[in-house]
């Protein structure tokens, strides 16, 4: 289990690094959109890997209410991500950048919640 947890932690760190690298591109360009597409694929794979853990934690016994609440918050953040990726691809560069900022904050909160919970 520790090996799996370490792999997931490393992948979350990779996602945060890719968010930072995205700032090297100009919003609305093909390079910007390619970076977002790559990031979205990685995030979707990570979400799929973590689904079993999230489900298990949400079904935790009553004594672990904090864990259940934490994973409920994670699920809410994850639910916003597809819309935020769409906003970050907006044709208007200013709107795309604002969408990126919201996406970045959401993914950073998601990673932080999981770091505290796993």
Protein backbone atom coordinates (compact mmCIF):
# COMPACT_ATOMS: atom_id res chain seq x y z
CA UNK A 1 0.00 0.00 0.00
CA UNK A 2 2.86 2.39 0.78
CA UNK A 3 4.24 1.88 -2.73
CA UNK A 4 0.87 2.78 -4.27
CA UNK A 5 0.53 5.82 -2.03
CA UNK A 6 4.02 6.99 -3.01
CA UNK A 7 3.25 6.57 -6.71
CA UNK A 8 0.05 8.57 -6.37
CA UNK A 9 1.86 11.29 -4.42
CA UNK A 10 4.54 11.51 -7.13
CA UNK A 11 1.88 11.76 -9.83
CA UNK A 12 0.14 14.60 -7.96
CA UNK A 13 3.50 16.39 -7.75
CA UNK A 14 3.92 15.90 -11.50
CA UNK A 15 0.50 17.45 -12.10
CA UNK A 16 1.45 20.51 -10.04
CA UNK A 17 4.74 20.84 -11.98
CA UNK A 18 2.82 20.67 -15.27
CA UNK A 19 0.51 23.42 -14.00
CA UNK A 20 3.57 25.57 -13.36
CA UNK A 21 5.04 24.76 -16.79
CA UNK A 22 1.77 25.78 -18.43
CA UNK A 23 2.55 29.38 -17.48
CA UNK A 24 5.40 29.29 -20.02
CA UNK A 25 2.83 29.25 -22.83
CA UNK A 26 0.64 32.07 -24.04
CA UNK A 27 -3.09 31.51 -23.38
CA UNK A 28 -5.10 30.65 -26.47
CA UNK A 29 -2.16 29.33 -28.53
CA UNK A 30 -1.84 25.78 -29.83
CA UNK A 31 1.05 25.23 -27.39
CA UNK A 32 -1.26 26.32 -24.55
CA UNK A 33 -4.03 23.97 -25.67
CA UNK A 34 -1.62 21.06 -26.23
CA UNK A 35 -0.29 21.52 -22.69
CA UNK A 36 -3.82 21.56 -21.30
CA UNK A 37 -4.73 18.43 -23.26
CA UNK A 38 -1.69 16.59 -21.88
CA UNK A 39 -2.44 17.79 -18.35
CA UNK A 40 -6.09 16.76 -18.65
CA UNK A 41 -5.17 13.21 -19.72
CA UNK A 42 -2.79 12.88 -16.78
CA UNK A 43 -5.37 14.25 -14.33
CA UNK A 44 -8.06 11.89 -15.64
CA UNK A 45 -5.74 8.89 -15.22
CA UNK A 46 -4.88 9.98 -11.70
CA UNK A 47 -8.55 10.43 -10.81
CA UNK A 48 -9.27 6.91 -12.10
CA UNK A 49 -6.45 5.49 -9.95
CA UNK A 50 -7.73 7.25 -6.87
CA UNK A 51 -11.41 6.36 -7.35
CA UNK A 52 -11.18 3.18 -5.26
CA UNK A 53 -9.45 5.00 -2.41
CA UNK A 54 -11.95 7.83 -2.47
CA UNK A 55 -14.89 5.43 -2.46
CA UNK A 56 -13.36 3.39 0.36
CA UNK A 57 -12.76 6.46 2.49
CA UNK A 58 -16.27 7.79 1.95
CA UNK A 59 -17.58 4.47 3.28
CA UNK A 60 -15.30 4.61 6.33
CA UNK A 61 -16.71 3.68 9.76
CA UNK A 62 -18.21 6.45 11.89
CA UNK A 63 -15.01 6.90 13.87
CA UNK A 64 -13.31 8.24 10.75
CA UNK A 65 -15.71 11.06 9.94
CA UNK A 66 -12.86 13.48 9.24
CA UNK A 67 -11.61 11.19 6.47
CA UNK A 68 -15.10 10.92 4.97
CA UNK A 69 -15.50 14.71 5.03
CA UNK A 70 -12.08 15.18 3.44
CA UNK A 71 -12.88 12.84 0.58
CA UNK A 72 -16.28 14.44 0.09
CA UNK A 73 -14.46 17.75 -0.42
CA UNK A 74 -12.05 16.04 -2.82
CA UNK A 75 -14.98 14.66 -4.82
CA UNK A 76 -16.52 18.14 -5.04
CA UNK A 77 -13.24 19.59 -6.31
CA UNK A 78 -12.87 16.79 -8.84
CA UNK A 79 -16.37 17.51 -10.11
CA UNK A 80 -15.33 21.05 -11.10
CA UNK A 81 -12.26 20.03 -13.08
CA UNK A 82 -13.83 19.22 -16.51
CA UNK A 83 -15.56 22.61 -16.66
CA UNK A 84 -12.37 24.37 -15.58
CA UNK A 85 -10.36 22.67 -18.33
CA UNK A 86 -12.94 23.96 -20.82
CA UNK A 87 -12.69 27.48 -19.40
CA UNK A 88 -8.88 27.34 -19.67
CA UNK A 89 -9.26 26.59 -23.39
CA UNK A 90 -11.36 29.70 -24.05
CA UNK A 91 -10.56 31.47 -27.30
CA UNK A 92 -10.15 34.81 -25.53
CA UNK A 93 -6.65 34.72 -23.94
CA UNK A 94 -7.75 36.70 -20.87
CA UNK A 95 -10.65 34.33 -20.23
CA UNK A 96 -8.40 31.33 -20.85
CA UNK A 97 -5.90 32.60 -18.29
CA UNK A 98 -8.62 33.20 -15.69
CA UNK A 99 -9.92 29.67 -16.33
CA UNK A 100 -6.39 28.36 -15.91
CA UNK A 101 -6.03 30.16 -12.57
CA UNK A 102 -9.26 28.59 -11.29
CA UNK A 103 -8.12 25.18 -12.57
CA UNK A 104 -4.73 25.60 -10.91
CA UNK A 105 -6.24 26.54 -7.54
CA UNK A 106 -8.69 23.62 -7.71
CA UNK A 107 -6.03 21.03 -8.58
CA UNK A 108 -3.68 22.37 -5.91
CA UNK A 109 -6.45 22.14 -3.29
CA UNK A 110 -7.25 18.60 -4.49
CA UNK A 111 -3.59 17.58 -4.13
CA UNK A 112 -3.33 19.23 -0.71
CA UNK A 113 -6.46 17.50 0.59
CA UNK A 114 -5.12 14.13 -0.54
CA UNK A 115 -1.71 14.79 1.00
CA UNK A 116 -3.41 15.39 4.34
CA UNK A 117 -5.77 12.45 3.95
CA UNK A 118 -3.53 9.70 2.63
